[in-house]
Amino acid sequence: MSAKIDFIKFLTATLTAASTKLLAANPANTATAGRLNQIVRTADDNVSEGHWARIAPLYDPLSPKLQLAVMHINADLIAGLRSVPDFDAYFALIAAEVQS
């Protein structure tokens, strides 16, 4: 269970850092930062166990495949190529990405 919580904290920290960068940019990208903040605000440790089951083997130790999946999904979210309404959908997107 603690690995799942650690991974959730990692994801929220990554999104928060990206949001901060977007807000500090000149000009600030408040719309995208707001979308990332919405994902972070809806984060909790009650994400689907089914999604976690697909991610867990790649988390401990953190595999390059999982790191790349998170990096690409975050880049797509920032670029507006993908959109998710909340953290659950974001987590599901990561789980699907590592299975492909």
PDB file of N, CA and C in Angstrom:
ATOM      1  N   MET A   1       0.820  -1.194   0.000  1.00  0.00           N
ATOM      2  CA  MET A   1       0.000   0.000   0.000  1.00  0.00           C
ATOM      3  C   MET A   1       0.863   1.256   0.000  1.00  0.00           C
ATOM      4  N   SER A   2       1.966   1.233   0.722  1.00  0.00           N
ATOM      5  CA  SER A   2       2.780   2.451   0.780  1.00  0.00           C
ATOM      6  C   SER A   2       3.416   2.766  -0.573  1.00  0.00           C
ATOM      7  N   ALA A   3       3.695   1.755  -1.377  1.00  0.00           N
ATOM      8  CA  ALA A   3       4.246   2.022  -2.706  1.00  0.00           C
ATOM      9  C   ALA A   3       3.227   2.765  -3.557  1.00  0.00           C
ATOM     10  N   LYS A   4       1.956   2.393  -3.439  1.00  0.00           N
ATOM     11  CA  LYS A   4       0.919   3.078  -4.194  1.00  0.00           C
ATOM     12  C   LYS A   4       0.825   4.538  -3.753  1.00  0.00           C
ATOM     13  N   ILE A   5       0.853   4.768  -2.463  1.00  0.00           N
ATOM     14  CA  ILE A   5       0.788   6.134  -1.944  1.00  0.00           C
ATOM     15  C   ILE A   5       2.013   6.931  -2.384  1.00  0.00           C
ATOM     16  N   ASP A   6       3.180   6.311  -2.354  1.00  0.00           N
ATOM     17  CA  ASP A   6       4.403   6.975  -2.822  1.00  0.00           C
ATOM     18  C   ASP A   6       4.287   7.364  -4.298  1.00  0.00           C
ATOM     19  N   PHE A   7       3.738   6.461  -5.098  1.00  0.00           N
ATOM     20  CA  PHE A   7       3.594   6.741  -6.526  1.00  0.00           C
ATOM     21  C   PHE A   7       2.595   7.878  -6.743  1.00  0.00           C
ATOM     22  N   ILE A   8       1.510   7.889  -5.991  1.00  0.00           N
ATOM     23  CA  ILE A   8       0.530   8.971  -6.102  1.00  0.00           C
ATOM     24  C   ILE A   8       1.182  10.301  -5.731  1.00  0.00           C
ATOM     25  N   LYS A   9       1.980  10.303  -4.677  1.00  0.00           N
ATOM     26  CA  LYS A   9       2.687  11.529  -4.286  1.00  0.00           C
ATOM     27  C   LYS A   9       3.664  11.972  -5.369  1.00  0.00           C
ATOM     28  N   PHE A  10       4.347  11.011  -5.981  1.00  0.00           N
ATOM     29  CA  PHE A  10       5.256  11.315  -7.087  1.00  0.00           C
ATOM     30  C   PHE A  10       4.499  11.977  -8.235  1.00  0.00           C
ATOM     31  N   LEU A  11       3.344  11.406  -8.597  1.00  0.00           N
ATOM     32  CA  LEU A  11       2.560  11.953  -9.697  1.00  0.00           C
ATOM     33  C   LEU A  11       2.058  13.357  -9.386  1.00  0.00           C
ATOM     34  N   THR A  12       1.536  13.542  -8.185  1.00  0.00           N
ATOM     35  CA  THR A  12       1.005  14.872  -7.841  1.00  0.00           C
ATOM     36  C   THR A  12       2.137  15.903  -7.777  1.00  0.00           C
ATOM     37  N   ALA A  13       3.297  15.508  -7.276  1.00  0.00           N
ATOM     38  CA  ALA A  13       4.433  16.428  -7.234  1.00  0.00           C
ATOM     39  C   ALA A  13       4.883  16.798  -8.646  1.00  0.00           C
ATOM     40  N   THR A  14       4.874  15.832  -9.542  1.00  0.00           N
ATOM     41  CA  THR A  14       5.270  16.083 -10.932  1.00  0.00           C
ATOM     42  C   THR A  14       4.306  17.063 -11.596  1.00  0.00           C
ATOM     43  N   LEU A  15       3.005  16.842 -11.386  1.00  0.00           N
ATOM     44  CA  LEU A  15       2.007  17.735 -11.973  1.00  0.00           C
ATOM     45  C   LEU A  15       2.067  19.131 -11.353  1.00  0.00           C
ATOM     46  N   THR A  16       2.287  19.198 -10.053  1.00  0.00           N
ATOM     47  CA  THR A  16       2.383  20.489  -9.367  1.00  0.00           C
ATOM     48  C   THR A  16       3.590  21.278  -9.881  1.00  0.00           C
ATOM     49  N   ALA A  17       4.704  20.600 -10.069  1.00  0.00           N
ATOM     50  CA  ALA A  17       5.904  21.269 -10.594  1.00  0.00           C
ATOM     51  C   ALA A  17       5.657  21.790 -12.005  1.00  0.00           C
ATOM     52  N   ALA A  18       4.980  21.001 -12.831  1.00  0.00           N
ATOM     53  CA  ALA A  18       4.680  21.441 -14.197  1.00  0.00           C
ATOM     54  C   ALA A  18       3.743  22.649 -14.168  1.00  0.00           C
ATOM     55  N   SER A  19       2.771  22.631 -13.289  1.00  0.00           N
ATOM     56  CA  SER A  19       1.839  23.751 -13.157  1.00  0.00           C
ATOM     57  C   SER A  19       2.570  25.018 -12.727  1.00  0.00           C
ATOM     58  N   THR A  20       3.465  24.887 -11.775  1.00  0.00           N
ATOM     59  CA  THR A  20       4.239  26.039 -11.297  1.00  0.00           C
ATOM     60  C   THR A  20       5.070  26.632 -12.421  1.00  0.00           C
ATOM     61  N   LYS A  21       5.686  25.775 -13.242  1.00  0.00           N
ATOM     62  CA  LYS A  21       6.472  26.245 -14.385  1.00  0.00           C
ATOM     63  C   LYS A  21       5.595  27.006 -15.379  1.00  0.00           C
ATOM     64  N   LEU A  22       4.405  26.475 -15.618  1.00  0.00           N
ATOM     65  CA  LEU A  22       3.503  27.126 -16.565  1.00  0.00           C
ATOM     66  C   LEU A  22       3.050  28.487 -16.059  1.00  0.00           C
ATOM     67  N   LEU A  23       2.834  28.599 -14.763  1.00  0.00           N
ATOM     68  CA  LEU A  23       2.413  29.876 -14.187  1.00  0.00           C
ATOM     69  C   LEU A  23       3.550  30.896 -14.162  1.00  0.00           C
ATOM     70  N   ALA A  24       4.791  30.412 -14.071  1.00  0.00           N
ATOM     71  CA  ALA A  24       5.952  31.305 -14.025  1.00  0.00           C
ATOM     72  C   ALA A  24       6.428  31.721 -15.416  1.00  0.00           C
ATOM     73  N   ALA A  25       5.923  31.048 -16.440  1.00  0.00           N
ATOM     74  CA  ALA A  25       6.345  31.365 -17.808  1.00  0.00           C
ATOM     75  C   ALA A  25       5.875  32.765 -18.196  1.00  0.00           C
ATOM     76  N   ASN A  26       6.513  33.304 -19.211  1.00  0.00           N
ATOM     77  CA  ASN A  26       6.110  34.606 -19.702  1.00  0.00           C
ATOM     78  C   ASN A  26       5.737  34.474 -21.173  1.00  0.00           C
ATOM     79  N   PRO A  27       4.481  34.481 -21.541  1.00  0.00           N
ATOM     80  CA  PRO A  27       3.310  34.706 -20.689  1.00  0.00           C
ATOM     81  C   PRO A  27       2.905  33.426 -19.961  1.00  0.00           C
ATOM     82  N   ALA A  28       2.243  33.611 -18.851  1.00  0.00           N
ATOM     83  CA  ALA A  28       1.797  32.475 -18.040  1.00  0.00           C
ATOM     84  C   ALA A  28       0.701  31.704 -18.771  1.00  0.00           C
ATOM     85  N   ASN A  29       0.749  30.390 -18.640  1.00  0.00           N
ATOM     86  CA  ASN A  29      -0.274  29.539 -19.254  1.00  0.00           C
ATOM     87  C   ASN A  29      -1.226  29.088 -18.141  1.00  0.00           C
ATOM     88  N   THR A  30      -2.115  29.981 -17.763  1.00  0.00           N
ATOM     89  CA  THR A  30      -2.993  29.712 -16.621  1.00  0.00           C
ATOM     90  C   THR A  30      -4.032  28.643 -16.913  1.00  0.00           C
ATOM     91  N   ALA A  31      -4.472  28.529 -18.156  1.00  0.00           N
ATOM     92  CA  ALA A  31      -5.487  27.531 -18.486  1.00  0.00           C
ATOM     93  C   ALA A  31      -4.944  26.111 -18.291  1.00  0.00           C
ATOM     94  N   THR A  32      -3.768  25.851 -18.828  1.00  0.00           N
ATOM     95  CA  THR A  32      -3.178  24.521 -18.687  1.00  0.00           C
ATOM     96  C   THR A  32      -2.791  24.259 -17.240  1.00  0.00           C
ATOM     97  N   ALA A  33      -2.238  25.255 -16.575  1.00  0.00           N
ATOM     98  CA  ALA A  33      -1.896  25.096 -15.156  1.00  0.00           C
ATOM     99  C   ALA A  33      -3.140  24.772 -14.342  1.00  0.00           C
ATOM    100  N   GLY A  34      -4.242  25.404 -14.659  1.00  0.00           N
ATOM    101  CA  GLY A  34      -5.500  25.120 -13.975  1.00  0.00           C
ATOM    102  C   GLY A  34      -5.971  23.693 -14.187  1.00  0.00           C
ATOM    103  N   ARG A  35      -5.806  23.174 -15.412  1.00  0.00           N
ATOM    104  CA  ARG A  35      -6.190  21.780 -15.688  1.00  0.00           C
ATOM    105  C   ARG A  35      -5.319  20.813 -14.893  1.00  0.00           C
ATOM    106  N   LEU A  36      -4.022  21.083 -14.821  1.00  0.00           N
ATOM    107  CA  LEU A  36      -3.130  20.221 -14.040  1.00  0.00           C
ATOM    108  C   LEU A  36      -3.473  20.297 -12.552  1.00  0.00           C
ATOM    109  N   ASN A  37      -3.763  21.505 -12.072  1.00  0.00           N
ATOM    110  CA  ASN A  37      -4.139  21.654 -10.661  1.00  0.00           C
ATOM    111  C   ASN A  37      -5.432  20.919 -10.339  1.00  0.00           C
ATOM    112  N   GLN A  38      -6.363  20.881 -11.299  1.00  0.00           N
ATOM    113  CA  GLN A  38      -7.617  20.148 -11.084  1.00  0.00           C
ATOM    114  C   GLN A  38      -7.337  18.653 -10.909  1.00  0.00           C
ATOM    115  N   ILE A  39      -6.426  18.127 -11.685  1.00  0.00           N
ATOM    116  CA  ILE A  39      -6.057  16.715 -11.546  1.00  0.00           C
ATOM    117  C   ILE A  39      -5.471  16.479 -10.154  1.00  0.00           C
ATOM    118  N   VAL A  40      -4.584  17.358  -9.715  1.00  0.00           N
ATOM    119  CA  VAL A  40      -3.952  17.221  -8.399  1.00  0.00           C
ATOM    120  C   VAL A  40      -4.985  17.329  -7.279  1.00  0.00           C
ATOM    121  N   ARG A  41      -5.920  18.273  -7.396  1.00  0.00           N
ATOM    122  CA  ARG A  41      -6.932  18.454  -6.351  1.00  0.00           C
ATOM    123  C   ARG A  41      -7.807  17.224  -6.156  1.00  0.00           C
ATOM    124  N   THR A  42      -7.974  16.424  -7.196  1.00  0.00           N
ATOM    125  CA  THR A  42      -8.840  15.244  -7.089  1.00  0.00           C
ATOM    126  C   THR A  42      -8.075  13.980  -6.716  1.00  0.00           C
ATOM    127  N   ALA A  43      -6.785  14.110  -6.450  1.00  0.00           N
ATOM    128  CA  ALA A  43      -5.954  12.943  -6.115  1.00  0.00           C
ATOM    129  C   ALA A  43      -6.256  12.456  -4.706  1.00  0.00           C
ATOM    130  N   ASP A  44      -6.359  11.168  -4.572  1.00  0.00           N
ATOM    131  CA  ASP A  44      -6.406  10.524  -3.264  1.00  0.00           C
ATOM    132  C   ASP A  44      -5.863   9.112  -3.426  1.00  0.00           C
ATOM    133  N   ASP A  45      -5.771   8.387  -2.334  1.00  0.00           N
ATOM    134  CA  ASP A  45      -5.177   7.054  -2.420  1.00  0.00           C
ATOM    135  C   ASP A  45      -6.200   5.971  -2.729  1.00  0.00           C
ATOM    136  N   ASN A  46      -7.388   6.356  -3.184  1.00  0.00           N
ATOM    137  CA  ASN A  46      -8.432   5.393  -3.509  1.00  0.00           C
ATOM    138  C   ASN A  46      -8.516   5.104  -4.998  1.00  0.00           C
ATOM    139  N   VAL A  47      -7.396   5.187  -5.690  1.00  0.00           N
ATOM    140  CA  VAL A  47      -7.409   4.862  -7.114  1.00  0.00           C
ATOM    141  C   VAL A  47      -7.682   3.373  -7.275  1.00  0.00           C
ATOM    142  N   SER A  48      -8.134   3.030  -8.429  1.00  0.00           N
ATOM    143  CA  SER A  48      -8.523   1.652  -8.711  1.00  0.00           C
ATOM    144  C   SER A  48      -7.388   0.658  -8.439  1.00  0.00           C
ATOM    145  N   GLU A  49      -7.713  -0.375  -7.706  1.00  0.00           N
ATOM    146  CA  GLU A  49      -6.730  -1.436  -7.457  1.00  0.00           C
ATOM    147  C   GLU A  49      -6.364  -2.147  -8.757  1.00  0.00           C
ATOM    148  N   GLY A  50      -7.303  -2.200  -9.689  1.00  0.00           N
ATOM    149  CA  GLY A  50      -7.023  -2.827 -10.981  1.00  0.00           C
ATOM    150  C   GLY A  50      -5.955  -2.066 -11.750  1.00  0.00           C
ATOM    151  N   HIS A  51      -6.057  -0.738 -11.729  1.00  0.00           N
ATOM    152  CA  HIS A  51      -5.038   0.071 -12.402  1.00  0.00           C
ATOM    153  C   HIS A  51      -3.706  -0.052 -11.674  1.00  0.00           C
ATOM    154  N   TRP A  52      -3.755  -0.024 -10.342  1.00  0.00           N
ATOM    155  CA  TRP A  52      -2.519  -0.144  -9.565  1.00  0.00           C
ATOM    156  C   TRP A  52      -1.850  -1.491  -9.824  1.00  0.00           C
ATOM    157  N   ALA A  53      -2.637  -2.542  -9.991  1.00  0.00           N
ATOM    158  CA  ALA A  53      -2.073  -3.872 -10.240  1.00  0.00           C
ATOM    159  C   ALA A  53      -1.247  -3.889 -11.530  1.00  0.00           C
ATOM    160  N   ARG A  54      -1.638  -3.080 -12.516  1.00  0.00           N
ATOM    161  CA  ARG A  54      -0.881  -3.012 -13.771  1.00  0.00           C
ATOM    162  C   ARG A  54       0.380  -2.171 -13.622  1.00  0.00           C
ATOM    163  N   ILE A  55       0.344  -1.203 -12.717  1.00  0.00           N
ATOM    164  CA  ILE A  55       1.469  -0.284 -12.546  1.00  0.00           C
ATOM    165  C   ILE A  55       2.487  -0.809 -11.531  1.00  0.00           C
ATOM    166  N   ALA A  56       2.018  -1.448 -10.476  1.00  0.00           N
ATOM    167  CA  ALA A  56       2.873  -1.854  -9.349  1.00  0.00           C
ATOM    168  C   ALA A  56       4.150  -2.594  -9.756  1.00  0.00           C
ATOM    169  N   PRO A  57       4.077  -3.576 -10.667  1.00  0.00           N
ATOM    170  CA  PRO A  57       5.320  -4.281 -11.022  1.00  0.00           C
ATOM    171  C   PRO A  57       6.373  -3.374 -11.668  1.00  0.00           C
ATOM    172  N   LEU A  58       5.932  -2.264 -12.219  1.00  0.00           N
ATOM    173  CA  LEU A  58       6.857  -1.343 -12.870  1.00  0.00           C
ATOM    174  C   LEU A  58       7.340  -0.244 -11.924  1.00  0.00           C
ATOM    175  N   TYR A  59       6.734  -0.188 -10.721  1.00  0.00           N
ATOM    176  CA  TYR A  59       7.068   0.892  -9.802  1.00  0.00           C
ATOM    177  C   TYR A  59       8.241   0.567  -8.893  1.00  0.00           C
ATOM    178  N   ASP A  60       8.316  -0.636  -8.415  1.00  0.00           N
ATOM    179  CA  ASP A  60       9.346  -0.963  -7.431  1.00  0.00           C
ATOM    180  C   ASP A  60      10.287  -2.014  -7.982  1.00  0.00           C
ATOM    181  N   PRO A  61      11.411  -1.666  -8.547  1.00  0.00           N
ATOM    182  CA  PRO A  61      11.969  -0.326  -8.708  1.00  0.00           C
ATOM    183  C   PRO A  61      11.304   0.399  -9.892  1.00  0.00           C
ATOM    184  N   LEU A  62      11.376   1.710  -9.870  1.00  0.00           N
ATOM    185  CA  LEU A  62      10.764   2.544 -10.899  1.00  0.00           C
ATOM    186  C   LEU A  62      11.412   2.256 -12.248  1.00  0.00           C
ATOM    187  N   SER A  63      10.622   1.675 -13.145  1.00  0.00           N
ATOM    188  CA  SER A  63      11.165   1.258 -14.437  1.00  0.00           C
ATOM    189  C   SER A  63      11.168   2.413 -15.433  1.00  0.00           C
ATOM    190  N   PRO A  64      12.077   2.338 -16.395  1.00  0.00           N
ATOM    191  CA  PRO A  64      12.099   3.360 -17.440  1.00  0.00           C
ATOM    192  C   PRO A  64      10.780   3.428 -18.210  1.00  0.00           C
ATOM    193  N   LYS A  65      10.132   2.278 -18.409  1.00  0.00           N
ATOM    194  CA  LYS A  65       8.862   2.256 -19.137  1.00  0.00           C
ATOM    195  C   LYS A  65       7.812   3.098 -18.413  1.00  0.00           C
ATOM    196  N   LEU A  66       7.738   2.973 -17.102  1.00  0.00           N
ATOM    197  CA  LEU A  66       6.771   3.749 -16.322  1.00  0.00           C
ATOM    198  C   LEU A  66       7.155   5.227 -16.323  1.00  0.00           C
ATOM    199  N   GLN A  67       8.428   5.519 -16.169  1.00  0.00           N
ATOM    200  CA  GLN A  67       8.885   6.910 -16.198  1.00  0.00           C
ATOM    201  C   GLN A  67       8.549   7.568 -17.534  1.00  0.00           C
ATOM    202  N   LEU A  68       8.779   6.852 -18.624  1.00  0.00           N
ATOM    203  CA  LEU A  68       8.475   7.394 -19.948  1.00  0.00           C
ATOM    204  C   LEU A  68       6.979   7.588 -20.149  1.00  0.00           C
ATOM    205  N   ALA A  69       6.180   6.645 -19.652  1.00  0.00           N
ATOM    206  CA  ALA A  69       4.727   6.774 -19.775  1.00  0.00           C
ATOM    207  C   ALA A  69       4.239   8.032 -19.072  1.00  0.00           C
ATOM    208  N   VAL A  70       4.710   8.257 -17.854  1.00  0.00           N
ATOM    209  CA  VAL A  70       4.314   9.453 -17.106  1.00  0.00           C
ATOM    210  C   VAL A  70       4.786  10.708 -17.827  1.00  0.00           C
ATOM    211  N   MET A  71       6.017  10.688 -18.294  1.00  0.00           N
ATOM    212  CA  MET A  71       6.576  11.852 -18.982  1.00  0.00           C
ATOM    213  C   MET A  71       5.773  12.176 -20.243  1.00  0.00           C
ATOM    214  N   HIS A  72       5.455  11.171 -21.060  1.00  0.00           N
ATOM    215  CA  HIS A  72       4.726  11.401 -22.306  1.00  0.00           C
ATOM    216  C   HIS A  72       3.288  11.848 -22.044  1.00  0.00           C
ATOM    217  N   ILE A  73       2.634  11.240 -21.072  1.00  0.00           N
ATOM    218  CA  ILE A  73       1.260  11.641 -20.757  1.00  0.00           C
ATOM    219  C   ILE A  73       1.243  13.072 -20.240  1.00  0.00           C
ATOM    220  N   ASN A  74       2.161  13.414 -19.364  1.00  0.00           N
ATOM    221  CA  ASN A  74       2.228  14.786 -18.858  1.00  0.00           C
ATOM    222  C   ASN A  74       2.493  15.778 -19.984  1.00  0.00           C
ATOM    223  N   ALA A  75       3.397  15.427 -20.877  1.00  0.00           N
ATOM    224  CA  ALA A  75       3.691  16.308 -22.015  1.00  0.00           C
ATOM    225  C   ALA A  75       2.448  16.483 -22.891  1.00  0.00           C
ATOM    226  N   ASP A  76       1.706  15.405 -23.114  1.00  0.00           N
ATOM    227  CA  ASP A  76       0.480  15.486 -23.909  1.00  0.00           C
ATOM    228  C   ASP A  76      -0.582  16.332 -23.208  1.00  0.00           C
ATOM    229  N   LEU A  77      -0.679  16.210 -21.890  1.00  0.00           N
ATOM    230  CA  LEU A  77      -1.639  17.029 -21.139  1.00  0.00           C
ATOM    231  C   LEU A  77      -1.276  18.510 -21.255  1.00  0.00           C
ATOM    232  N   ILE A  78      -0.003  18.817 -21.124  1.00  0.00           N
ATOM    233  CA  ILE A  78       0.456  20.205 -21.206  1.00  0.00           C
ATOM    234  C   ILE A  78       0.247  20.764 -22.612  1.00  0.00           C
ATOM    235  N   ALA A  79       0.476  19.932 -23.623  1.00  0.00           N
ATOM    236  CA  ALA A  79       0.309  20.375 -25.012  1.00  0.00           C
ATOM    237  C   ALA A  79      -1.161  20.424 -25.438  1.00  0.00           C
ATOM    238  N   GLY A  80      -2.038  19.883 -24.612  1.00  0.00           N
ATOM    239  CA  GLY A  80      -3.459  19.863 -24.961  1.00  0.00           C
ATOM    240  C   GLY A  80      -3.853  18.713 -25.869  1.00  0.00           C
ATOM    241  N   LEU A  81      -2.960  17.736 -26.031  1.00  0.00           N
ATOM    242  CA  LEU A  81      -3.244  16.592 -26.893  1.00  0.00           C
ATOM    243  C   LEU A  81      -4.105  15.539 -26.198  1.00  0.00           C
ATOM    244  N   ARG A  82      -4.081  15.541 -24.885  1.00  0.00           N
ATOM    245  CA  ARG A  82      -4.917  14.642 -24.079  1.00  0.00           C
ATOM    246  C   ARG A  82      -5.572  15.470 -22.992  1.00  0.00           C
ATOM    247  N   SER A  83      -6.694  14.963 -22.533  1.00  0.00           N
ATOM    248  CA  SER A  83      -7.404  15.665 -21.473  1.00  0.00           C
ATOM    249  C   SER A  83      -8.026  14.622 -20.546  1.00  0.00           C
ATOM    250  N   VAL A  84      -7.941  14.875 -19.258  1.00  0.00           N
ATOM    251  CA  VAL A  84      -8.580  14.003 -18.268  1.00  0.00           C
ATOM    252  C   VAL A  84      -9.307  14.885 -17.256  1.00  0.00           C
ATOM    253  N   PRO A  85     -10.462  14.427 -16.784  1.00  0.00           N
ATOM    254  CA  PRO A  85     -11.243  15.255 -15.856  1.00  0.00           C
ATOM    255  C   PRO A  85     -10.753  15.228 -14.414  1.00  0.00           C
ATOM    256  N   ASP A  86     -10.051  14.143 -14.046  1.00  0.00           N
ATOM    257  CA  ASP A  86      -9.649  14.007 -12.645  1.00  0.00           C
ATOM    258  C   ASP A  86      -8.474  13.041 -12.515  1.00  0.00           C
ATOM    259  N   PHE A  87      -8.019  12.865 -11.273  1.00  0.00           N
ATOM    260  CA  PHE A  87      -6.857  12.029 -11.024  1.00  0.00           C
ATOM    261  C   PHE A  87      -7.117  10.565 -11.365  1.00  0.00           C
ATOM    262  N   ASP A  88      -8.332  10.084 -11.099  1.00  0.00           N
ATOM    263  CA  ASP A  88      -8.660   8.691 -11.433  1.00  0.00           C
ATOM    264  C   ASP A  88      -8.470   8.419 -12.922  1.00  0.00           C
ATOM    265  N   ALA A  89      -8.965   9.327 -13.744  1.00  0.00           N
ATOM    266  CA  ALA A  89      -8.813   9.168 -15.192  1.00  0.00           C
ATOM    267  C   ALA A  89      -7.344   9.270 -15.600  1.00  0.00           C
ATOM    268  N   TYR A  90      -6.610  10.147 -14.947  1.00  0.00           N
ATOM    269  CA  TYR A  90      -5.172  10.290 -15.205  1.00  0.00           C
ATOM    270  C   TYR A  90      -4.444   8.994 -14.854  1.00  0.00           C
ATOM    271  N   PHE A  91      -4.760   8.429 -13.703  1.00  0.00           N
ATOM    272  CA  PHE A  91      -4.142   7.180 -13.266  1.00  0.00           C
ATOM    273  C   PHE A  91      -4.485   6.051 -14.241  1.00  0.00           C
ATOM    274  N   ALA A  92      -5.740   6.008 -14.692  1.00  0.00           N
ATOM    275  CA  ALA A  92      -6.164   4.985 -15.660  1.00  0.00           C
ATOM    276  C   ALA A  92      -5.405   5.136 -16.972  1.00  0.00           C
ATOM    277  N   LEU A  93      -5.164   6.372 -17.381  1.00  0.00           N
ATOM    278  CA  LEU A  93      -4.414   6.635 -18.607  1.00  0.00           C
ATOM    279  C   LEU A  93      -2.987   6.095 -18.490  1.00  0.00           C
ATOM    280  N   ILE A  94      -2.374   6.300 -17.345  1.00  0.00           N
ATOM    281  CA  ILE A  94      -1.021   5.778 -17.124  1.00  0.00           C
ATOM    282  C   ILE A  94      -1.035   4.247 -17.158  1.00  0.00           C
ATOM    283  N   ALA A  95      -2.014   3.647 -16.487  1.00  0.00           N
ATOM    284  CA  ALA A  95      -2.113   2.184 -16.468  1.00  0.00           C
ATOM    285  C   ALA A  95      -2.284   1.633 -17.878  1.00  0.00           C
ATOM    286  N   ALA A  96      -3.097   2.278 -18.681  1.00  0.00           N
ATOM    287  CA  ALA A  96      -3.300   1.823 -20.058  1.00  0.00           C
ATOM    288  C   ALA A  96      -2.025   1.991 -20.873  1.00  0.00           C
ATOM    289  N   GLU A  97      -1.326   3.085 -20.657  1.00  0.00           N
ATOM    290  CA  GLU A  97      -0.101   3.373 -21.407  1.00  0.00           C
ATOM    291  C   GLU A  97       0.979   2.318 -21.126  1.00  0.00           C
ATOM    292  N   VAL A  98       1.130   1.893 -19.909  1.00  0.00           N
ATOM    293  CA  VAL A  98       2.178   0.914 -19.604  1.00  0.00           C
ATOM    294  C   VAL A  98       1.815  -0.474 -20.099  1.00  0.00           C
ATOM    295  N   GLN A  99       0.548  -0.707 -20.389  1.00  0.00           N
ATOM    296  CA  GLN A  99       0.135  -2.004 -20.918  1.00  0.00           C
ATOM    297  C   GLN A  99       0.289  -2.112 -22.418  1.00  0.00           C
ATOM    298  N   SER A 100       0.442  -0.964 -23.088  1.00  0.00           N
ATOM    299  CA  SER A 100       0.545  -1.003 -24.560  1.00  0.00           C
ATOM    300  C   SER A 100       1.945  -1.293 -25.018  1.00  0.00           C
TER     301      SER A 100
END
